[in-house]
């Protein structure tokens, strides 16, 4: 008995369109993550991994959608194929079953290495672009979450002995952002 065809789609941001990745590919169920591929701690990747069964085929648009890191890619493929799940990468035209030839394993490693290399180049270009923008005075960094009055209230409440986690919740920020504001207000902290 043939298993199900399960799709996995990943985009990095909420604004990106997921439709094109498996357009025209028939799948019974699709798991979609809107998260960076830099690591494997993604809710829908974990849900898909728990859902697939022996005999199923996981269909992914391309290797870089599954993982951007060669070690992660190889680990995911190995984990699934050991469970007798076939993995099909549409863009690369490759399938992995666990009974793969040395050539198939080489292709997985080479293509995965290219995805990792591409990510490294992207990050390097981003850092260079930010550095040039800073020199021109065009880069100001991320917009602050709180205004001057809110920051003053935050520091007053913390100085008054309130719990940092509660103040952060009340202000709608995470604790690390709260600590950043406190360090700016009092560099000695």
N, C-alpha and C. Protein backbone atom coordinates (compact mmCIF):
# COMPACT_ATOMS: atom_id res chain seq x y z
N UNK A 1 0.84 -1.19 0.00
CA UNK A 1 0.00 0.00 0.00
C UNK A 1 0.88 1.25 0.00
N UNK A 2 0.61 2.16 -0.92
CA UNK A 2 1.39 3.39 -1.02
C UNK A 2 0.92 4.36 0.05
N UNK A 3 1.86 5.10 0.62
CA UNK A 3 1.54 6.08 1.64
C UNK A 3 1.04 7.38 1.04
N UNK A 4 0.92 8.37 1.88
CA UNK A 4 0.46 9.69 1.47
C UNK A 4 1.61 10.53 0.93
N UNK A 5 1.25 11.52 0.14
CA UNK A 5 2.22 12.53 -0.30
C UNK A 5 1.99 13.74 0.61
N UNK A 6 3.01 14.06 1.39
CA UNK A 6 2.94 15.13 2.38
C UNK A 6 3.84 16.27 1.91
N UNK A 7 3.32 17.49 1.90
CA UNK A 7 4.11 18.64 1.49
C UNK A 7 4.68 19.38 2.69
N UNK A 8 5.86 19.96 2.49
CA UNK A 8 6.43 20.86 3.50
C UNK A 8 6.88 22.13 2.78
N UNK A 9 6.41 23.27 3.28
CA UNK A 9 6.70 24.58 2.70
C UNK A 9 7.26 25.45 3.81
N UNK A 10 8.30 26.24 3.46
CA UNK A 10 8.85 27.17 4.43
C UNK A 10 9.18 28.48 3.74
N UNK A 11 8.74 29.57 4.35
CA UNK A 11 9.15 30.91 3.95
C UNK A 11 9.70 31.60 5.19
N UNK A 12 10.54 32.59 4.98
CA UNK A 12 11.22 33.24 6.10
C UNK A 12 10.40 34.32 6.77
N UNK A 13 9.51 34.96 6.03
CA UNK A 13 8.75 36.07 6.61
C UNK A 13 7.26 35.90 6.33
N UNK A 14 6.46 36.63 7.09
CA UNK A 14 5.00 36.57 6.92
C UNK A 14 4.57 37.10 5.56
N UNK A 15 5.34 38.02 4.98
CA UNK A 15 4.95 38.64 3.72
C UNK A 15 5.21 37.74 2.52
N UNK A 16 6.09 36.76 2.65
CA UNK A 16 6.43 35.91 1.51
C UNK A 16 5.28 34.98 1.16
N UNK A 17 5.16 34.69 -0.14
CA UNK A 17 4.08 33.87 -0.66
C UNK A 17 4.49 32.40 -0.63
N UNK A 18 3.65 31.57 -0.05
CA UNK A 18 3.93 30.13 0.03
C UNK A 18 3.38 29.36 -1.16
N UNK A 19 2.49 29.98 -1.94
CA UNK A 19 1.78 29.28 -3.00
C UNK A 19 2.68 28.72 -4.09
N UNK A 20 3.73 29.41 -4.45
CA UNK A 20 4.54 28.99 -5.59
C UNK A 20 5.38 27.75 -5.32
N UNK A 21 5.65 27.45 -4.06
CA UNK A 21 6.60 26.37 -3.77
C UNK A 21 6.12 25.01 -4.24
N UNK A 22 4.89 24.65 -3.98
CA UNK A 22 4.38 23.35 -4.41
C UNK A 22 3.23 23.51 -5.40
N UNK A 23 3.26 24.60 -6.16
CA UNK A 23 2.23 24.88 -7.14
C UNK A 23 2.19 23.74 -8.17
N UNK A 24 1.03 23.15 -8.33
CA UNK A 24 0.85 22.07 -9.30
C UNK A 24 1.28 20.70 -8.80
N UNK A 25 1.76 20.60 -7.56
CA UNK A 25 2.18 19.33 -6.99
C UNK A 25 1.06 18.82 -6.08
N UNK A 26 0.60 17.61 -6.34
CA UNK A 26 -0.49 17.05 -5.54
C UNK A 26 0.05 16.48 -4.24
N UNK A 27 -0.52 16.95 -3.13
CA UNK A 27 -0.19 16.42 -1.81
C UNK A 27 -1.50 16.29 -1.03
N UNK A 28 -1.55 15.29 -0.15
CA UNK A 28 -2.74 15.10 0.66
C UNK A 28 -2.79 16.07 1.83
N UNK A 29 -1.63 16.45 2.32
CA UNK A 29 -1.56 17.37 3.45
C UNK A 29 -0.28 18.18 3.31
N UNK A 30 -0.34 19.44 3.75
CA UNK A 30 0.84 20.30 3.64
C UNK A 30 1.09 21.00 4.96
N UNK A 31 2.34 21.02 5.38
CA UNK A 31 2.76 21.72 6.59
C UNK A 31 3.54 22.95 6.15
N UNK A 32 3.20 24.12 6.71
CA UNK A 32 3.82 25.38 6.30
C UNK A 32 4.40 26.11 7.49
N UNK A 33 5.70 26.41 7.40
CA UNK A 33 6.37 27.21 8.42
C UNK A 33 6.66 28.59 7.86
N UNK A 34 6.49 29.59 8.68
CA UNK A 34 6.91 30.96 8.36
C UNK A 34 8.00 31.30 9.36
N UNK A 35 9.19 30.78 9.06
CA UNK A 35 10.31 30.92 9.98
C UNK A 35 11.62 30.77 9.21
N UNK A 36 12.66 31.26 9.78
CA UNK A 36 13.98 31.13 9.18
C UNK A 36 14.39 29.67 9.12
N UNK A 37 15.16 29.34 8.11
CA UNK A 37 15.68 27.98 7.97
C UNK A 37 17.00 27.78 8.66
N UNK A 38 17.42 28.78 9.46
CA UNK A 38 18.75 28.70 10.08
C UNK A 38 18.86 27.57 11.09
N UNK A 39 17.74 27.14 11.66
CA UNK A 39 17.78 25.99 12.55
C UNK A 39 16.54 25.14 12.32
N UNK A 40 16.47 24.01 13.00
CA UNK A 40 15.37 23.07 12.77
C UNK A 40 14.27 23.15 13.82
N UNK A 41 14.33 24.15 14.68
CA UNK A 41 13.28 24.31 15.70
C UNK A 41 12.15 25.14 15.11
N UNK A 42 11.36 24.46 14.24
CA UNK A 42 10.22 25.09 13.58
C UNK A 42 8.98 24.25 13.88
N UNK A 43 7.88 24.88 14.29
CA UNK A 43 6.70 24.13 14.73
C UNK A 43 6.15 23.16 13.68
N UNK A 44 6.02 23.62 12.45
CA UNK A 44 5.42 22.77 11.43
C UNK A 44 6.39 21.69 10.95
N UNK A 45 7.68 21.94 11.00
CA UNK A 45 8.66 20.90 10.68
C UNK A 45 8.56 19.78 11.71
N UNK A 46 8.46 20.16 12.97
CA UNK A 46 8.31 19.17 14.03
C UNK A 46 6.99 18.41 13.90
N UNK A 47 5.91 19.12 13.57
CA UNK A 47 4.60 18.48 13.40
C UNK A 47 4.63 17.51 12.22
N UNK A 48 5.26 17.93 11.13
CA UNK A 48 5.35 17.07 9.95
C UNK A 48 6.16 15.82 10.27
N UNK A 49 7.26 15.99 11.00
CA UNK A 49 8.12 14.86 11.35
C UNK A 49 7.35 13.84 12.19
N UNK A 50 6.50 14.33 13.07
CA UNK A 50 5.68 13.42 13.88
C UNK A 50 4.57 12.77 13.06
N UNK A 51 4.07 13.47 12.05
CA UNK A 51 2.93 13.01 11.27
C UNK A 51 3.27 11.94 10.25
N UNK A 52 4.39 12.09 9.54
CA UNK A 52 4.71 11.16 8.44
C UNK A 52 4.91 9.74 8.95
N UNK A 53 4.51 8.80 8.11
CA UNK A 53 4.59 7.37 8.45
C UNK A 53 5.37 6.63 7.37
N UNK A 54 5.75 5.43 7.69
CA UNK A 54 6.43 4.55 6.74
C UNK A 54 5.61 4.47 5.45
N UNK A 55 6.28 4.64 4.32
CA UNK A 55 5.61 4.58 3.03
C UNK A 55 5.17 5.93 2.49
N UNK A 56 5.16 6.96 3.36
CA UNK A 56 4.79 8.30 2.90
C UNK A 56 5.93 8.90 2.09
N UNK A 57 5.58 9.91 1.27
CA UNK A 57 6.57 10.68 0.53
C UNK A 57 6.46 12.13 0.97
N UNK A 58 7.56 12.67 1.44
CA UNK A 58 7.61 14.09 1.80
C UNK A 58 8.06 14.86 0.57
N UNK A 59 7.26 15.84 0.15
CA UNK A 59 7.57 16.63 -1.03
C UNK A 59 7.93 18.04 -0.58
N UNK A 60 9.13 18.48 -0.98
CA UNK A 60 9.63 19.81 -0.60
C UNK A 60 10.10 20.50 -1.88
N UNK A 61 9.81 21.79 -2.01
CA UNK A 61 10.19 22.52 -3.22
C UNK A 61 11.68 22.40 -3.50
N UNK A 62 12.51 22.71 -2.50
CA UNK A 62 13.96 22.61 -2.69
C UNK A 62 14.63 22.36 -1.35
N UNK A 63 15.86 21.91 -1.41
CA UNK A 63 16.59 21.55 -0.20
C UNK A 63 16.70 22.70 0.78
N UNK A 64 16.89 23.91 0.27
CA UNK A 64 17.06 25.05 1.19
C UNK A 64 15.77 25.40 1.92
N UNK A 65 14.64 24.89 1.47
CA UNK A 65 13.38 25.09 2.19
C UNK A 65 13.31 24.17 3.41
N UNK A 66 13.97 23.02 3.34
CA UNK A 66 13.98 22.07 4.45
C UNK A 66 15.03 22.46 5.48
N UNK A 67 16.22 22.86 5.01
CA UNK A 67 17.31 23.26 5.92
C UNK A 67 18.32 24.09 5.16
N UNK A 68 18.90 25.06 5.82
CA UNK A 68 19.94 25.89 5.23
C UNK A 68 21.33 25.46 5.67
N UNK A 69 21.38 24.49 6.53
CA UNK A 69 22.64 24.03 7.09
C UNK A 69 22.83 22.58 6.64
N UNK A 70 23.98 22.25 6.10
CA UNK A 70 24.22 20.91 5.56
C UNK A 70 24.03 19.83 6.62
N UNK A 71 24.53 20.07 7.82
CA UNK A 71 24.37 19.07 8.88
C UNK A 71 22.90 18.82 9.20
N UNK A 72 22.11 19.92 9.29
CA UNK A 72 20.68 19.77 9.57
C UNK A 72 19.98 19.03 8.43
N UNK A 73 20.31 19.39 7.20
CA UNK A 73 19.69 18.75 6.05
C UNK A 73 19.96 17.25 6.05
N UNK A 74 21.20 16.89 6.23
CA UNK A 74 21.56 15.47 6.23
C UNK A 74 20.88 14.72 7.39
N UNK A 75 20.80 15.37 8.56
CA UNK A 75 20.18 14.74 9.71
C UNK A 75 18.68 14.52 9.48
N UNK A 76 17.99 15.52 8.93
CA UNK A 76 16.56 15.39 8.66
C UNK A 76 16.31 14.29 7.64
N UNK A 77 17.07 14.30 6.56
CA UNK A 77 16.90 13.28 5.51
C UNK A 77 17.16 11.89 6.08
N UNK A 78 18.22 11.76 6.86
CA UNK A 78 18.56 10.46 7.44
C UNK A 78 17.47 9.99 8.40
N UNK A 79 17.02 10.89 9.27
CA UNK A 79 15.98 10.54 10.25
C UNK A 79 14.71 10.04 9.55
N UNK A 80 14.30 10.75 8.51
CA UNK A 80 13.06 10.37 7.82
C UNK A 80 13.23 9.11 6.98
N UNK A 81 14.34 9.01 6.26
CA UNK A 81 14.52 7.82 5.43
C UNK A 81 14.73 6.57 6.27
N UNK A 82 15.29 6.70 7.46
CA UNK A 82 15.41 5.54 8.36
C UNK A 82 14.03 5.04 8.78
N UNK A 83 13.06 5.94 8.77
CA UNK A 83 11.67 5.57 9.08
C UNK A 83 10.93 5.13 7.82
N UNK A 84 11.65 4.96 6.71
CA UNK A 84 11.12 4.52 5.42
C UNK A 84 10.19 5.56 4.80
N UNK A 85 10.50 6.84 5.03
CA UNK A 85 9.79 7.94 4.39
C UNK A 85 10.66 8.39 3.22
N UNK A 86 10.07 8.47 2.05
CA UNK A 86 10.78 8.95 0.86
C UNK A 86 10.74 10.48 0.87
N UNK A 87 11.85 11.12 0.48
CA UNK A 87 11.89 12.58 0.42
C UNK A 87 12.16 12.98 -1.02
N UNK A 88 11.30 13.86 -1.53
CA UNK A 88 11.39 14.31 -2.92
C UNK A 88 11.61 15.82 -2.94
N UNK A 89 12.70 16.24 -3.58
CA UNK A 89 12.98 17.67 -3.75
C UNK A 89 12.64 18.03 -5.19
N UNK A 90 11.60 18.84 -5.38
CA UNK A 90 11.06 19.14 -6.70
C UNK A 90 12.07 19.90 -7.55
N UNK A 91 12.62 20.99 -7.05
CA UNK A 91 13.52 21.85 -7.84
C UNK A 91 14.77 21.10 -8.29
N UNK A 92 15.33 20.32 -7.40
CA UNK A 92 16.56 19.59 -7.72
C UNK A 92 16.27 18.29 -8.48
N UNK A 93 15.01 17.84 -8.46
CA UNK A 93 14.65 16.60 -9.13
C UNK A 93 15.27 15.38 -8.47
N UNK A 94 15.41 15.42 -7.16
CA UNK A 94 16.05 14.32 -6.43
C UNK A 94 15.09 13.67 -5.46
N UNK A 95 15.25 12.35 -5.30
CA UNK A 95 14.48 11.59 -4.32
C UNK A 95 15.44 10.80 -3.45
N UNK A 96 15.10 10.68 -2.17
CA UNK A 96 15.92 9.92 -1.23
C UNK A 96 15.01 8.94 -0.50
N UNK A 97 15.44 7.69 -0.47
CA UNK A 97 14.61 6.64 0.12
C UNK A 97 15.30 5.93 1.28
N UNK A 98 16.56 6.14 1.46
CA UNK A 98 17.31 5.41 2.47
C UNK A 98 18.14 4.30 1.84
N UNK A 99 17.73 3.88 0.64
CA UNK A 99 18.49 2.88 -0.11
C UNK A 99 19.26 3.58 -1.22
N UNK A 100 19.75 4.75 -0.92
CA UNK A 100 20.33 5.61 -1.95
C UNK A 100 21.75 5.19 -2.32
N UNK A 101 22.08 5.49 -3.55
CA UNK A 101 23.41 5.20 -4.07
C UNK A 101 24.40 6.20 -3.51
N UNK A 102 25.68 5.88 -3.59
CA UNK A 102 26.69 6.86 -3.18
C UNK A 102 26.56 8.17 -3.96
N UNK A 103 26.15 8.09 -5.23
CA UNK A 103 25.99 9.31 -6.04
C UNK A 103 24.85 10.17 -5.48
N UNK A 104 23.75 9.55 -5.06
CA UNK A 104 22.64 10.31 -4.48
C UNK A 104 23.08 11.00 -3.19
N UNK A 105 23.84 10.30 -2.37
CA UNK A 105 24.34 10.91 -1.12
C UNK A 105 25.30 12.05 -1.40
N UNK A 106 26.12 11.90 -2.45
CA UNK A 106 27.01 12.98 -2.86
C UNK A 106 26.20 14.20 -3.30
N UNK A 107 25.15 13.96 -4.09
CA UNK A 107 24.31 15.08 -4.56
C UNK A 107 23.65 15.79 -3.39
N UNK A 108 23.19 15.04 -2.41
CA UNK A 108 22.60 15.65 -1.21
C UNK A 108 23.63 16.55 -0.53
N UNK A 109 24.84 16.05 -0.37
CA UNK A 109 25.89 16.82 0.30
C UNK A 109 26.29 18.05 -0.50
N UNK A 110 26.45 17.89 -1.81
CA UNK A 110 26.87 19.02 -2.66
C UNK A 110 25.78 20.09 -2.70
N UNK A 111 24.54 19.68 -2.96
CA UNK A 111 23.45 20.65 -3.06
C UNK A 111 23.19 21.31 -1.70
N UNK A 112 23.28 20.54 -0.63
CA UNK A 112 23.12 21.11 0.71
C UNK A 112 24.23 22.09 1.04
N UNK A 113 25.45 21.77 0.61
CA UNK A 113 26.58 22.68 0.84
C UNK A 113 26.38 23.99 0.08
N UNK A 114 25.83 23.91 -1.13
CA UNK A 114 25.55 25.13 -1.89
C UNK A 114 24.51 26.00 -1.18
N UNK A 115 23.48 25.38 -0.62
CA UNK A 115 22.45 26.13 0.11
C UNK A 115 23.07 26.83 1.31
N UNK A 116 23.95 26.13 2.02
CA UNK A 116 24.61 26.72 3.19
C UNK A 116 25.53 27.86 2.77
N UNK A 117 26.26 27.66 1.67
CA UNK A 117 27.16 28.68 1.13
C UNK A 117 26.37 29.92 0.72
N UNK A 118 25.24 29.71 0.05
CA UNK A 118 24.39 30.82 -0.39
C UNK A 118 23.91 31.65 0.80
N UNK A 119 23.52 30.97 1.87
CA UNK A 119 23.07 31.68 3.08
C UNK A 119 24.20 32.50 3.67
N UNK A 120 25.41 31.95 3.69
CA UNK A 120 26.57 32.67 4.22
C UNK A 120 26.86 33.91 3.40
N UNK A 121 26.78 33.79 2.07
CA UNK A 121 27.01 34.94 1.20
C UNK A 121 25.95 36.02 1.43
N UNK A 122 24.71 35.60 1.59
CA UNK A 122 23.62 36.54 1.83
C UNK A 122 23.87 37.33 3.11
N UNK A 123 24.24 36.62 4.18
CA UNK A 123 24.51 37.30 5.45
C UNK A 123 25.69 38.24 5.34
N UNK A 124 26.73 37.84 4.61
CA UNK A 124 27.90 38.70 4.42
C UNK A 124 27.52 39.96 3.67
N UNK A 125 26.75 39.82 2.58
CA UNK A 125 26.31 41.00 1.82
C UNK A 125 25.43 41.90 2.68
N UNK A 126 24.59 41.31 3.52
CA UNK A 126 23.74 42.10 4.41
C UNK A 126 24.59 42.92 5.38
N UNK A 127 25.59 42.28 5.99
CA UNK A 127 26.48 43.00 6.92
C UNK A 127 27.23 44.12 6.21
N UNK A 128 27.71 43.85 5.00
CA UNK A 128 28.42 44.88 4.23
C UNK A 128 27.50 46.05 3.89
N UNK A 129 26.27 45.74 3.49
CA UNK A 129 25.31 46.78 3.17
C UNK A 129 24.97 47.64 4.37
N UNK A 130 24.81 47.03 5.53
CA UNK A 130 24.52 47.78 6.75
C UNK A 130 25.71 48.66 7.11
N UNK A 131 26.92 48.14 6.99
CA UNK A 131 28.12 48.93 7.30
C UNK A 131 28.22 50.15 6.38
N UNK A 132 27.96 49.97 5.08
CA UNK A 132 27.99 51.10 4.14
C UNK A 132 26.89 52.11 4.44
N UNK A 133 25.71 51.62 4.77
CA UNK A 133 24.60 52.51 5.10
C UNK A 133 24.90 53.31 6.37
N UNK A 134 25.56 52.68 7.34
CA UNK A 134 25.94 53.40 8.57
C UNK A 134 26.93 54.50 8.24
N UNK A 135 27.89 54.24 7.34
CA UNK A 135 28.87 55.26 6.96
C UNK A 135 28.18 56.45 6.29
N UNK A 136 27.15 56.17 5.50
CA UNK A 136 26.40 57.25 4.84
C UNK A 136 25.42 57.93 5.78
N UNK A 137 25.21 57.35 6.95
CA UNK A 137 24.24 57.89 7.89
C UNK A 137 22.82 57.50 7.56
N UNK A 138 22.65 56.51 6.68
CA UNK A 138 21.32 56.11 6.24
C UNK A 138 20.75 54.98 7.07
N UNK A 139 21.57 54.34 7.88
CA UNK A 139 21.11 53.20 8.67
C UNK A 139 20.98 53.62 10.12
N UNK A 140 19.81 53.47 10.65
CA UNK A 140 19.57 53.87 12.03
C UNK A 140 19.27 52.68 12.93
N UNK A 141 19.21 51.50 12.38
CA UNK A 141 18.88 50.32 13.17
C UNK A 141 17.39 50.16 13.32
N UNK A 142 17.00 49.24 14.13
CA UNK A 142 15.59 48.94 14.34
C UNK A 142 14.92 50.08 15.11
N UNK A 143 13.68 50.36 14.74
CA UNK A 143 12.90 51.38 15.44
C UNK A 143 12.66 50.93 16.88
N UNK A 144 12.79 51.85 17.79
CA UNK A 144 12.57 51.53 19.21
C UNK A 144 11.12 51.18 19.47
N UNK A 145 10.94 50.22 20.38
CA UNK A 145 9.60 49.76 20.73
C UNK A 145 8.88 50.76 21.62
N UNK A 146 9.63 51.46 22.46
CA UNK A 146 9.03 52.36 23.44
C UNK A 146 9.50 53.80 23.21
N UNK A 147 8.62 54.72 23.53
CA UNK A 147 8.97 56.13 23.46
C UNK A 147 9.66 56.58 24.74
N UNK A 148 10.12 57.83 24.77
CA UNK A 148 10.87 58.37 25.91
C UNK A 148 10.05 58.31 27.22
N UNK A 149 8.76 58.62 27.14
CA UNK A 149 7.93 58.58 28.34
C UNK A 149 7.78 57.16 28.87
N UNK A 150 7.61 56.20 27.96
CA UNK A 150 7.47 54.81 28.37
C UNK A 150 8.77 54.28 28.98
N UNK A 151 9.89 54.70 28.42
CA UNK A 151 11.19 54.28 28.97
C UNK A 151 11.38 54.84 30.37
N UNK A 152 10.98 56.11 30.56
CA UNK A 152 11.07 56.72 31.88
C UNK A 152 10.18 55.96 32.88
N UNK A 153 8.97 55.58 32.44
CA UNK A 153 8.08 54.82 33.31
C UNK A 153 8.69 53.45 33.64
N UNK A 154 9.26 52.82 32.65
CA UNK A 154 9.89 51.51 32.84
C UNK A 154 10.99 51.59 33.90
N UNK A 155 11.89 52.56 33.76
CA UNK A 155 13.00 52.68 34.72
C UNK A 155 12.48 53.05 36.10
N UNK A 156 11.44 53.89 36.17
CA UNK A 156 10.85 54.25 37.47
C UNK A 156 10.25 53.02 38.15
N UNK A 157 9.53 52.20 37.40
CA UNK A 157 8.89 51.03 37.99
C UNK A 157 9.92 50.01 38.47
N UNK A 158 10.98 49.82 37.70
CA UNK A 158 12.04 48.87 38.10
C UNK A 158 12.75 49.40 39.34
N UNK A 159 13.04 50.72 39.35
CA UNK A 159 13.68 51.33 40.52
C UNK A 159 12.79 51.21 41.75
N UNK A 160 11.47 51.18 41.54
CA UNK A 160 10.51 51.03 42.63
C UNK A 160 10.36 49.60 43.12
N UNK A 161 11.08 48.67 42.49
CA UNK A 161 11.09 47.29 42.97
C UNK A 161 10.13 46.33 42.28
N UNK A 162 9.47 46.78 41.21
CA UNK A 162 8.56 45.87 40.51
C UNK A 162 9.36 44.79 39.78
N UNK A 163 8.72 43.65 39.58
CA UNK A 163 9.38 42.54 38.88
C UNK A 163 9.56 42.88 37.40
N UNK A 164 10.77 42.61 36.91
CA UNK A 164 11.10 42.93 35.52
C UNK A 164 10.19 42.21 34.54
N UNK A 165 9.90 40.95 34.81
CA UNK A 165 9.05 40.18 33.89
C UNK A 165 7.65 40.78 33.80
N UNK A 166 7.12 41.27 34.91
CA UNK A 166 5.78 41.87 34.90
C UNK A 166 5.80 43.21 34.17
N UNK A 167 6.83 44.01 34.40
CA UNK A 167 6.94 45.31 33.71
C UNK A 167 7.06 45.07 32.21
N UNK A 168 7.87 44.10 31.81
CA UNK A 168 8.03 43.79 30.38
C UNK A 168 6.68 43.39 29.77
N UNK A 169 5.94 42.53 30.45
CA UNK A 169 4.61 42.13 29.95
C UNK A 169 3.69 43.33 29.81
N UNK A 170 3.67 44.17 30.84
CA UNK A 170 2.81 45.36 30.81
C UNK A 170 3.16 46.29 29.66
N UNK A 171 4.44 46.36 29.33
CA UNK A 171 4.91 47.27 28.27
C UNK A 171 4.82 46.62 26.88
N UNK A 172 4.55 45.33 26.85
CA UNK A 172 4.45 44.63 25.57
C UNK A 172 5.79 44.37 24.91
N UNK A 173 6.83 44.17 25.74
CA UNK A 173 8.16 43.89 25.21
C UNK A 173 8.69 42.62 25.90
N UNK A 174 9.74 42.05 25.32
CA UNK A 174 10.34 40.89 25.97
C UNK A 174 11.32 41.37 27.04
N UNK A 175 11.73 40.47 27.90
CA UNK A 175 12.63 40.84 29.00
C UNK A 175 13.97 41.33 28.48
N UNK A 176 14.47 40.72 27.40
CA UNK A 176 15.76 41.15 26.86
C UNK A 176 15.68 42.61 26.38
N UNK A 177 14.57 43.00 25.78
CA UNK A 177 14.39 44.40 25.36
C UNK A 177 14.35 45.30 26.58
N UNK A 178 13.69 44.87 27.64
CA UNK A 178 13.66 45.63 28.89
C UNK A 178 15.08 45.85 29.41
N UNK A 179 15.89 44.78 29.41
CA UNK A 179 17.28 44.91 29.87
C UNK A 179 18.08 45.87 28.99
N UNK A 180 17.80 45.86 27.70
CA UNK A 180 18.49 46.78 26.78
C UNK A 180 18.16 48.22 27.15
N UNK A 181 16.88 48.51 27.41
CA UNK A 181 16.50 49.86 27.80
C UNK A 181 17.13 50.24 29.14
N UNK A 182 17.18 49.32 30.07
CA UNK A 182 17.80 49.61 31.38
C UNK A 182 19.30 49.90 31.23
N UNK A 183 19.97 49.13 30.37
CA UNK A 183 21.42 49.39 30.16
C UNK A 183 21.64 50.75 29.52
N UNK A 184 20.76 51.14 28.58
CA UNK A 184 20.91 52.46 27.95
C UNK A 184 20.67 53.58 28.96
N UNK A 185 19.69 53.36 29.86
CA UNK A 185 19.35 54.37 30.86
C UNK A 185 20.44 54.48 31.93
N UNK A 186 21.07 53.35 32.24
CA UNK A 186 22.11 53.32 33.26
C UNK A 186 23.22 52.37 32.81
N UNK A 187 24.20 52.85 32.06
CA UNK A 187 25.24 51.99 31.50
C UNK A 187 26.01 51.17 32.56
N UNK A 188 25.96 51.55 33.80
CA UNK A 188 26.67 50.83 34.86
C UNK A 188 25.97 49.52 35.21
N UNK A 189 24.69 49.34 34.77
CA UNK A 189 23.92 48.13 35.12
C UNK A 189 24.41 46.96 34.30
